[in-house]
Structure formats: C-alpha cells, structure tokens
Amino acid sequence: MATSYTLSEQKVLKKIGTKIRGFRNDIELSQEEFARKCDLDRTYISDVERGERNVSILNLIKIAKSLKVSPAELLEI
C-alpha cells in the first residue's frame, strides 16, 4: 500500500473490497466491464477490491449505483 494504514484500517478496507467483489461477481461482470460501468479505471477497482485503496465517498456512490445496491450496504462490515 502506498499509504500507511493501521491494521484495523486495513481490515476495514479489505472487508469493503471483498463485499464489492462479491456483488460484482454476483452480476457476472469482469473488473474491466464493471469499471467502465462505474466510469472508473480498472486498476482503481482492482485496488479497491484488494483493500489497497481508500475509496472516496463519490466513487463509493458510483460503485453502489452500478451494483444496484445502497452505499450503506457496501459499508456494512
């Protein structure tokens, strides 16, 4: 990770990323297709799903809309 996060922060980011990956897999989209749908870069989605990126609120909303879930559902950990 480029930014240093505490162990508990890393766990939170990984849980959110895993949840996003699960929803994406449920709708059977590749990272590339999903990134296009979110209007984000594929590498950004990859970083988020691996818990290596602290996703911004605005991007979390884009991701949630593309998954057809609420942002709150993505943050339930």
Protein backbone atom coordinates (compact mmCIF):
# COMPACT_ATOMS: atom_id res chain seq x y z
CA MET A 1 0.00 0.00 0.00
CA ALA A 2 1.28 3.44 -0.89
CA THR A 3 -0.38 4.99 2.16
CA SER A 4 0.23 3.53 5.59
CA TYR A 5 -2.92 2.28 7.29
CA THR A 6 -3.24 0.72 10.71
CA LEU A 7 -4.03 -2.98 10.88
CA SER A 8 -7.65 -2.25 11.80
CA GLU A 9 -7.98 0.22 8.90
CA GLN A 10 -6.53 -2.38 6.51
CA LYS A 11 -9.11 -4.91 7.73
CA VAL A 12 -11.95 -2.45 7.07
CA LEU A 13 -10.70 -1.69 3.54
CA LYS A 14 -10.34 -5.42 2.79
CA LYS A 15 -13.86 -6.18 4.06
CA ILE A 16 -15.38 -3.43 1.92
CA GLY A 17 -13.34 -4.55 -1.10
CA THR A 18 -14.39 -8.16 -0.62
CA LYS A 19 -18.02 -7.08 -0.40
CA ILE A 20 -17.72 -5.07 -3.64
CA ARG A 21 -16.03 -8.01 -5.40
CA GLY A 22 -18.80 -10.33 -4.21
CA PHE A 23 -21.56 -8.08 -5.55
CA ARG A 24 -19.64 -7.66 -8.84
CA ASN A 25 -19.23 -11.40 -9.20
CA ASP A 26 -22.95 -11.88 -8.45
CA ILE A 27 -23.80 -9.79 -11.52
CA GLU A 28 -21.10 -11.59 -13.52
CA LEU A 29 -19.07 -8.60 -14.65
CA SER A 30 -15.33 -8.56 -15.16
CA GLN A 31 -13.38 -5.81 -13.45
CA GLU A 32 -12.95 -4.10 -16.80
CA GLU A 33 -16.68 -4.18 -17.61
CA PHE A 34 -17.54 -3.06 -14.11
CA ALA A 35 -15.01 -0.22 -14.16
CA ARG A 36 -16.47 1.02 -17.44
CA LYS A 37 -19.96 0.89 -15.95
CA CYS A 38 -18.74 2.91 -12.93
CA ASP A 39 -16.75 5.34 -15.11
CA LEU A 40 -13.62 4.43 -13.13
CA ASP A 41 -10.30 2.89 -14.10
CA ARG A 42 -9.96 -0.90 -13.89
CA THR A 43 -6.82 -0.60 -11.78
CA TYR A 44 -8.75 1.57 -9.32
CA ILE A 45 -11.45 -1.12 -8.99
CA SER A 46 -8.74 -3.74 -8.56
CA ASP A 47 -7.09 -1.72 -5.79
CA VAL A 48 -10.42 -1.18 -4.03
CA GLU A 49 -11.36 -4.86 -4.20
CA ARG A 50 -7.97 -5.85 -2.75
CA GLY A 51 -8.36 -3.33 0.08
CA GLU A 52 -5.41 -1.30 -1.11
CA ARG A 53 -7.31 1.89 -1.83
CA ASN A 54 -9.38 4.07 0.48
CA VAL A 55 -12.36 4.62 -1.80
CA SER A 56 -13.84 8.13 -1.80
CA ILE A 57 -17.49 8.70 -0.97
CA LEU A 58 -18.26 9.86 -4.51
CA ASN A 59 -16.66 6.76 -6.03
CA LEU A 60 -18.41 4.55 -3.47
CA ILE A 61 -21.71 6.02 -4.68
CA LYS A 62 -20.77 5.31 -8.33
CA ILE A 63 -19.87 1.74 -7.39
CA ALA A 64 -23.08 1.24 -5.41
CA LYS A 65 -25.23 2.59 -8.26
CA SER A 66 -23.52 0.28 -10.73
CA LEU A 67 -24.14 -2.66 -8.40
CA LYS A 68 -27.74 -1.52 -7.77
CA VAL A 69 -27.21 -1.51 -4.01
CA SER A 70 -27.11 1.31 -1.47
CA PRO A 71 -23.78 2.71 -0.35
CA ALA A 72 -24.78 1.66 3.18
CA GLU A 73 -24.89 -1.99 2.05
CA LEU A 74 -21.27 -1.72 0.94
CA LEU A 75 -20.26 -0.25 4.29
CA GLU A 76 -21.96 -2.88 6.43
CA ILE A 77 -18.99 -4.78 7.79
